[in-house]
Protein backbone atom coordinates (compact mmCIF):
# COMPACT_ATOMS: atom_id res chain seq x y z
CA MET A 1 0.09 0.11 -0.12
CA THR A 2 1.61 3.26 -1.06
CA LYS A 3 2.08 5.75 2.15
CA THR A 4 1.35 9.45 1.25
CA ILE A 5 4.41 11.78 2.78
CA ALA A 6 3.71 15.62 3.16
CA VAL A 7 7.28 17.18 2.37
CA LEU A 8 7.14 20.77 3.80
CA PRO A 9 10.42 22.59 2.94
CA GLY A 10 9.80 25.63 4.84
CA ASP A 11 12.69 28.75 5.29
CA GLY A 12 16.10 29.38 5.29
CA ILE A 13 18.23 26.16 4.65
CA GLY A 14 15.04 23.93 4.94
CA PRO A 15 14.64 23.74 1.10
CA GLU A 16 18.34 22.86 0.01
CA ILE A 17 18.27 20.04 2.83
CA ILE A 18 14.72 18.79 1.93
CA ALA A 19 15.71 18.63 -1.80
CA GLU A 20 18.74 15.96 -0.80
CA ALA A 21 16.49 13.65 1.56
CA VAL A 22 14.13 13.92 -1.43
CA LYS A 23 16.86 12.25 -3.64
CA VAL A 24 17.08 9.73 -1.04
CA LEU A 25 13.55 9.01 -0.83
CA GLU A 26 13.71 8.83 -4.32
CA THR A 27 16.43 6.15 -4.65
CA LEU A 28 14.31 4.10 -2.07
CA GLN A 29 11.06 4.19 -4.73
CA ASN A 30 13.23 3.18 -7.58
CA ASP A 31 15.83 0.85 -6.34
CA PHE A 32 14.45 -0.54 -3.02
CA GLY A 33 10.66 -0.51 -4.33
CA LEU A 34 9.52 2.04 -1.01
CA ALA A 35 5.84 2.72 -2.18
CA VAL A 36 5.49 6.18 -1.06
CA GLN A 37 3.73 9.44 -2.80
CA LEU A 38 5.45 12.71 -1.84
CA GLU A 39 2.96 15.50 -1.48
CA PRO A 40 4.70 19.45 -0.97
CA GLY A 41 3.50 22.00 1.22
CA LEU A 42 4.04 25.11 2.66
CA VAL A 43 4.83 25.93 6.42
CA GLY A 44 6.50 28.66 8.06
CA GLY A 45 7.94 32.00 6.56
CA ALA A 46 7.45 30.49 3.05
CA ALA A 47 3.54 30.31 3.84
CA ILE A 48 3.43 33.71 5.59
CA ASP A 49 4.72 35.33 1.96
CA ALA A 50 2.11 33.22 -0.09
CA THR A 51 -1.20 33.11 2.02
CA GLY A 52 -0.52 35.71 5.11
CA TYR A 53 -0.54 32.33 7.45
CA PRO A 54 2.06 30.22 8.94
CA LEU A 55 0.19 27.05 8.73
CA PRO A 56 -2.58 27.23 5.84
CA ALA A 57 -5.76 25.35 5.71
CA ASP A 58 -4.47 23.56 2.44
CA THR A 59 -1.25 22.45 4.35
CA LEU A 60 -3.02 21.51 7.63
CA GLU A 61 -5.51 19.30 5.81
CA LEU A 62 -2.28 17.74 3.98
CA VAL A 63 -0.81 16.56 6.62
CA LYS A 64 -3.63 15.29 8.86
CA LYS A 65 -4.24 13.01 5.73
CA ALA A 66 -0.36 12.08 5.41
CA ASP A 67 1.27 9.01 6.67
CA ALA A 68 3.93 10.86 7.73
CA VAL A 69 5.65 14.57 7.63
CA LEU A 70 9.02 15.58 6.36
CA LEU A 71 10.06 18.98 7.80
CA GLY A 72 13.09 21.40 6.62
CA ALA A 73 13.10 24.28 9.29
CA VAL A 74 11.21 27.52 9.40
CA GLY A 75 11.78 30.97 10.77
CA GLY A 76 14.23 34.02 9.97
CA ALA A 77 14.97 37.36 10.54
CA LYS A 78 12.62 38.66 7.71
CA TRP A 79 9.38 37.74 9.99
CA GLU A 80 10.58 38.66 13.20
CA ARG A 81 8.59 42.27 13.30
CA LEU A 82 5.45 40.39 13.04
CA PRO A 83 3.02 39.52 15.80
CA ILE A 84 3.79 36.51 17.59
CA ALA A 85 0.78 34.91 16.70
CA ARG A 86 1.89 35.30 12.85
CA ARG A 87 5.44 34.29 13.12
CA PRO A 88 6.79 31.15 11.08
CA GLU A 89 7.18 29.29 14.59
CA LYS A 90 3.58 29.47 15.13
CA GLY A 91 3.48 27.11 12.02
CA LEU A 92 5.61 24.55 13.69
CA LEU A 93 3.92 24.84 17.24
CA GLY A 94 0.56 24.51 15.11
CA LEU A 95 1.76 21.22 13.38
CA ARG A 96 2.55 19.70 16.45
CA SER A 97 -0.48 20.46 18.38
CA GLU A 98 -2.93 19.89 15.50
CA LEU A 99 -1.27 16.34 14.86
CA GLU A 100 -1.06 15.66 18.61
CA LEU A 101 2.89 15.15 18.40
CA PHE A 102 3.33 14.67 21.88
CA ALA A 103 6.46 12.53 21.86
CA ASN A 104 9.75 13.94 20.50
CA LEU A 105 12.67 11.48 20.16
CA ARG A 106 15.48 13.30 19.84
CA PRO A 107 18.96 10.71 19.58
CA ALA A 108 22.14 12.19 20.28
CA LEU A 109 24.60 9.41 18.28
CA LEU A 110 28.00 10.27 17.63
CA PHE A 111 29.59 8.57 14.60
CA SER A 112 32.87 7.22 15.25
CA GLU A 113 34.40 8.91 12.25
CA LEU A 114 33.33 12.37 14.02
CA ALA A 115 34.88 11.77 17.56
CA ASN A 116 37.28 14.50 16.51
CA ALA A 117 34.71 16.80 15.66
CA SER A 118 33.26 17.21 18.92
CA THR A 119 34.44 20.35 21.21
CA LEU A 120 34.95 17.89 23.78
CA LYS A 121 38.21 14.93 24.44
CA PRO A 122 37.57 11.75 22.24
CA GLU A 123 37.65 9.83 25.15
CA ILE A 124 34.59 11.56 26.86
CA VAL A 125 32.04 11.18 23.68
CA ALA A 126 33.72 8.45 21.84
CA GLY A 127 30.58 5.74 22.08
CA LEU A 128 27.68 8.07 22.75
CA ASP A 129 24.41 7.13 22.01
CA ILE A 130 21.43 8.95 24.08
CA LEU A 131 17.84 9.48 23.59
CA ILE A 132 16.14 12.37 24.88
CA VAL A 133 12.66 11.94 25.08
CA ARG A 134 11.02 15.59 25.23
CA GLU A 135 7.13 16.07 25.79
CA LEU A 136 6.13 18.50 22.97
CA THR A 137 2.62 19.53 23.34
CA GLY A 138 2.29 20.71 26.77
CA GLY A 139 4.54 22.59 29.51
CA ILE A 140 5.02 26.13 29.22
CA TYR A 141 5.09 26.61 25.50
CA PHE A 142 1.32 25.90 25.28
CA GLY A 143 0.10 26.86 28.75
CA GLN A 144 -2.49 29.55 29.40
CA PRO A 145 -2.80 32.24 30.54
CA ARG A 146 0.26 34.20 28.80
CA GLY A 147 1.00 37.30 27.08
CA ILE A 148 2.14 40.52 27.94
CA ARG A 149 0.04 42.74 30.05
CA THR A 150 0.27 46.24 32.13
CA LEU A 151 0.01 46.21 35.80
CA ASP A 152 -2.20 48.92 37.69
CA ASN A 153 1.07 50.74 38.68
CA GLY A 154 2.04 51.01 34.77
CA GLU A 155 4.80 48.44 34.47
CA ARG A 156 4.57 46.14 31.92
CA GLN A 157 4.99 42.68 32.59
CA GLY A 158 5.27 39.29 30.30
CA PHE A 159 4.03 35.94 31.95
CA ASN A 160 3.94 32.62 30.56
CA THR A 161 2.20 29.24 32.40
CA LEU A 162 3.86 26.02 32.91
CA VAL A 163 1.00 23.35 33.44
CA TYR A 164 0.86 19.90 33.12
CA SER A 165 -1.74 17.26 33.55
CA GLU A 166 -1.30 13.76 34.80
CA SER A 167 -2.52 12.11 31.98
CA GLU A 168 0.07 14.32 29.63
CA ILE A 169 2.93 13.09 32.06
CA GLU A 170 2.09 9.87 32.07
CA ARG A 171 2.03 9.25 28.26
CA ILE A 172 5.36 10.73 27.49
CA ALA A 173 6.80 8.59 30.37
CA ARG A 174 5.43 5.59 29.10
CA VAL A 175 7.30 6.50 25.90
CA ALA A 176 10.38 6.91 27.42
CA PHE A 177 10.47 3.46 29.83
CA GLU A 178 9.37 1.47 26.26
CA SER A 179 12.11 3.38 24.94
CA ALA A 180 14.52 2.44 27.27
CA GLU A 181 13.60 -1.26 27.28
CA LYS A 182 14.62 -1.40 23.76
CA ARG A 183 18.28 -0.18 25.10
CA GLN A 184 20.13 -0.23 28.16
CA LYS A 185 17.10 -0.26 30.28
CA ARG A 186 18.25 3.15 32.25
CA LEU A 187 16.00 6.11 32.39
CA CYS A 188 16.83 9.63 33.63
CA SER A 189 13.92 11.74 34.28
CA VAL A 190 14.96 15.57 34.48
CA ASP A 191 13.06 17.95 35.96
CA LYS A 192 13.33 20.91 38.49
CA ALA A 193 11.32 19.46 41.35
CA ASN A 194 13.17 21.45 44.26
CA VAL A 195 11.58 25.13 42.89
CA LEU A 196 8.70 24.26 40.53
CA GLU A 197 5.61 22.61 41.88
CA ALA A 198 4.62 21.73 38.15
CA THR A 199 7.85 19.46 37.65
CA GLU A 200 7.65 18.38 41.42
CA PHE A 201 4.07 16.73 40.13
CA TRP A 202 6.00 15.48 37.09
CA ARG A 203 8.42 13.49 39.09
CA GLU A 204 5.62 11.81 40.90
CA ILE A 205 3.97 10.63 38.28
CA VAL A 206 7.01 9.32 36.35
CA THR A 207 8.21 7.43 39.58
CA ARG A 208 4.43 6.00 39.79
CA VAL A 209 4.64 5.05 36.35
CA SER A 210 8.08 3.41 36.58
CA GLN A 211 6.29 0.13 38.58
CA ASP A 212 5.06 -0.80 35.19
CA TYR A 213 8.35 -1.12 34.33
CA PRO A 214 10.43 -3.05 36.82
CA ASN A 215 13.45 -3.85 34.41
CA VAL A 216 14.05 -0.30 33.82
CA GLN A 217 16.43 1.75 36.46
CA LEU A 218 14.86 4.86 36.79
CA THR A 219 16.93 8.32 38.28
CA HIS A 220 15.96 11.62 38.56
CA MET A 221 18.14 14.58 38.35
CA TYR A 222 17.66 18.56 38.40
CA VAL A 223 17.83 20.32 35.05
CA ASP A 224 21.02 22.45 35.93
CA ASN A 225 22.80 19.14 36.99
CA ALA A 226 21.68 17.35 33.72
CA ALA A 227 23.44 20.20 31.80
CA MET A 228 26.61 19.86 33.51
CA GLN A 229 26.29 16.04 33.23
CA LEU A 230 26.02 15.99 29.59
CA VAL A 231 29.09 18.13 29.21
CA ARG A 232 31.16 16.53 32.21
CA ALA A 233 30.17 12.67 31.44
CA PRO A 234 27.51 12.41 28.69
CA LYS A 235 27.97 8.25 28.46
CA GLN A 236 26.70 8.08 31.95
CA PHE A 237 23.09 8.63 30.20
CA ASP A 238 20.99 6.07 28.12
CA VAL A 239 17.40 7.36 27.81
CA ILE A 240 16.38 11.00 28.81
CA VAL A 241 13.06 12.08 29.86
CA THR A 242 12.09 15.74 30.12
CA THR A 243 9.70 18.43 29.84
CA ASN A 244 9.11 20.69 26.58
CA MET A 245 11.39 23.67 27.28
CA PHE A 246 13.76 21.40 29.17
CA GLY A 247 14.10 19.11 26.32
CA ASP A 248 14.38 22.04 24.01
CA ILE A 249 17.68 23.12 25.71
CA LEU A 250 19.25 19.70 26.38
CA SER A 251 18.85 18.32 23.25
CA ASP A 252 20.67 21.44 21.61
CA LEU A 253 23.11 21.01 24.31
CA ALA A 254 23.59 17.39 23.26
CA SER A 255 24.14 18.07 19.53
CA GLN A 256 27.41 19.82 20.33
CA LEU A 257 28.68 16.48 21.83
CA THR A 258 28.02 14.94 18.50
CA GLY A 259 30.26 17.41 16.52
CA SER A 260 27.77 19.69 14.84
CA ILE A 261 23.75 20.17 15.32
CA GLY A 262 23.81 19.32 11.55
CA MET A 263 24.02 15.62 12.44
CA LEU A 264 20.95 15.55 14.69
CA PRO A 265 17.65 13.84 13.48
CA SER A 266 14.12 14.01 15.50
CA ALA A 267 10.89 12.50 15.30
CA SER A 268 7.55 14.10 16.82
CA LEU A 269 5.37 11.34 17.26
CA ASP A 270 1.49 10.72 18.05
CA ALA A 271 -0.31 7.95 19.92
CA ASN A 272 -0.48 5.77 16.76
CA ASN A 273 3.21 6.69 15.79
CA LYS A 274 1.98 8.87 12.93
CA GLY A 275 4.77 11.93 12.99
CA MET A 276 6.56 14.66 11.55
CA TYR A 277 10.45 14.15 11.09
CA GLU A 278 13.02 17.47 11.12
CA PRO A 279 16.71 17.98 11.81
CA ILE A 280 16.86 19.86 15.07
CA HIS A 281 18.66 22.48 13.78
CA GLY A 282 17.15 25.79 12.67
CA SER A 283 16.47 27.77 9.45
CA ALA A 284 20.33 28.95 9.64
CA PRO A 285 19.14 32.01 7.29
CA ASP A 286 22.88 33.28 7.24
CA ILE A 287 23.82 30.17 5.02
CA ALA A 288 20.77 29.91 3.15
CA GLY A 289 21.45 29.71 -0.62
CA GLN A 290 24.98 28.99 -0.59
CA ASN A 291 24.82 25.20 -0.57
CA ILE A 292 26.92 24.56 2.31
CA ALA A 293 24.49 23.52 5.03
CA ASN A 294 24.87 19.74 6.03
CA PRO A 295 21.84 17.74 5.12
CA LEU A 296 22.60 14.63 6.94
CA ALA A 297 20.47 15.52 10.03
CA THR A 298 17.56 15.75 7.74
CA ILE A 299 18.78 12.45 5.89
CA LEU A 300 18.76 10.59 9.16
CA SER A 301 15.20 12.22 10.31
CA LEU A 302 14.19 10.54 6.97
CA ALA A 303 15.53 7.15 8.24
CA MET A 304 13.67 7.62 11.43
CA MET A 305 10.70 8.21 9.27
CA LEU A 306 11.33 4.74 7.98
CA ARG A 307 11.59 3.07 11.39
CA TYR A 308 8.71 4.69 13.23
CA SER A 309 6.09 5.62 10.87
CA LEU A 310 6.34 3.62 7.33
CA ASN A 311 7.35 0.46 9.24
CA GLN A 312 10.66 -0.10 7.32
CA PRO A 313 13.48 -0.75 10.23
CA GLU A 314 15.52 -2.54 7.39
CA LEU A 315 15.33 0.42 5.16
CA ALA A 316 16.14 2.60 7.82
CA THR A 317 19.52 0.87 8.77
CA THR A 318 20.43 0.81 5.23
CA VAL A 319 19.92 4.76 4.98
CA GLU A 320 22.03 4.90 8.16
CA ASN A 321 24.98 2.68 6.81
CA ALA A 322 24.67 5.06 3.83
CA VAL A 323 25.68 8.33 5.85
CA SER A 324 27.99 6.09 8.13
CA GLN A 325 29.87 5.14 4.88
CA VAL A 326 29.92 8.79 3.40
CA LEU A 327 31.84 9.61 6.72
CA ARG A 328 34.13 6.87 6.26
CA ASP A 329 34.76 8.00 2.76
CA GLY A 330 36.01 11.70 4.43
CA LEU A 331 33.29 13.58 3.35
CA ARG A 332 32.22 16.26 5.07
CA THR A 333 30.26 19.64 5.10
CA LYS A 334 31.85 22.79 6.73
CA ASP A 335 30.31 21.85 10.10
CA ILE A 336 31.92 18.97 10.80
CA GLN A 337 35.31 19.68 9.03
CA GLU A 338 38.44 18.98 10.67
CA PRO A 339 41.81 20.41 9.54
CA GLY A 340 43.32 19.24 6.57
CA GLN A 341 40.15 18.02 5.25
CA ASN A 342 38.25 18.97 2.13
CA THR A 343 34.54 19.95 2.35
CA VAL A 344 31.58 18.97 0.01
CA SER A 345 28.57 21.02 -0.79
CA THR A 346 24.89 20.28 0.46
CA ARG A 347 24.27 18.85 -3.12
CA GLU A 348 27.42 16.96 -3.50
CA MET A 349 27.03 15.40 0.29
CA GLY A 350 23.43 14.25 -0.69
CA GLU A 351 24.47 12.62 -3.70
CA ALA A 352 27.31 10.59 -2.10
CA VAL A 353 24.70 9.51 0.27
CA VAL A 354 22.42 8.15 -2.69
CA ALA A 355 25.43 6.86 -4.64
CA ALA A 356 26.25 4.81 -1.33
CA LEU A 357 22.72 3.41 -1.22
CA ARG A 358 23.14 2.17 -4.58
CA ALA A 359 26.27 0.36 -4.22
CA LYS A 360 24.30 -1.41 -1.47
């Protein structure tokens, strides 16, 4: 049965990196028999320019009908003067909310070929393999009330609300425990329970859910300590589960352990494993159109799509192995270049992955 993939390039380097992922998809179609149909759509700044809205109705209809969504990136200085409700990022948040994509999986895996590209010593990061499970549709990013108001004394005040329901915490905790069961059976729940009641509640619920997973070792850590430990001794972690905002910050921090944020994919899943797949980096408007962006995080996001939403784990491994091969061959985009190495362009890296796939 043919599956539909909504392809949303977005802004900045989004169209460039998505173009390379599409080449990989087309190779899987033509050479490996993958039955998929690609449907393009607009989101973010590109959608604002074309329709006035960051998430047009046509795009929303498309993604709801699709079996999976492949996203590039959204945002840029061009749209920063717009009201918050109309900025490109609202398109991204709208996709997560409308599709009920509550579980964000962000692996931080260091390819052995890139051990020297990390800013940490190779012995600290060699063999790194962490999965960060981030709650994606609750917490302070979505909590109400929120806004900017003027107090009775005339002073202006910005405010947001951090709120989590029991069911929201329980469902993301179960995703994390089930992920840990398939790995090293160690789960660290990150919170700020010493000062935030909402995350004290988070800790309570995660602890209760742990009783259903006796084979998984559960530990707890405050977010400030977790940030320090990720830099000090990152291999102590297997799976990390945390709130929306903490996960946003810690996963970007973890990206630098792997050498570049351009190497990290992500999957955002609903309760039935329908997902949106995107690199964790932003739209990087400062390098847009220069053909120098790293497309590997997007291609690895595609591999996650094959594994989680399209039920093609063998093809997912094939794509991941192709990425490993191009790195073994010494190909590097600018962000992962080491002294003395030659760089390749965005298109050259994508074409190299396609060639490695066809060599299989």
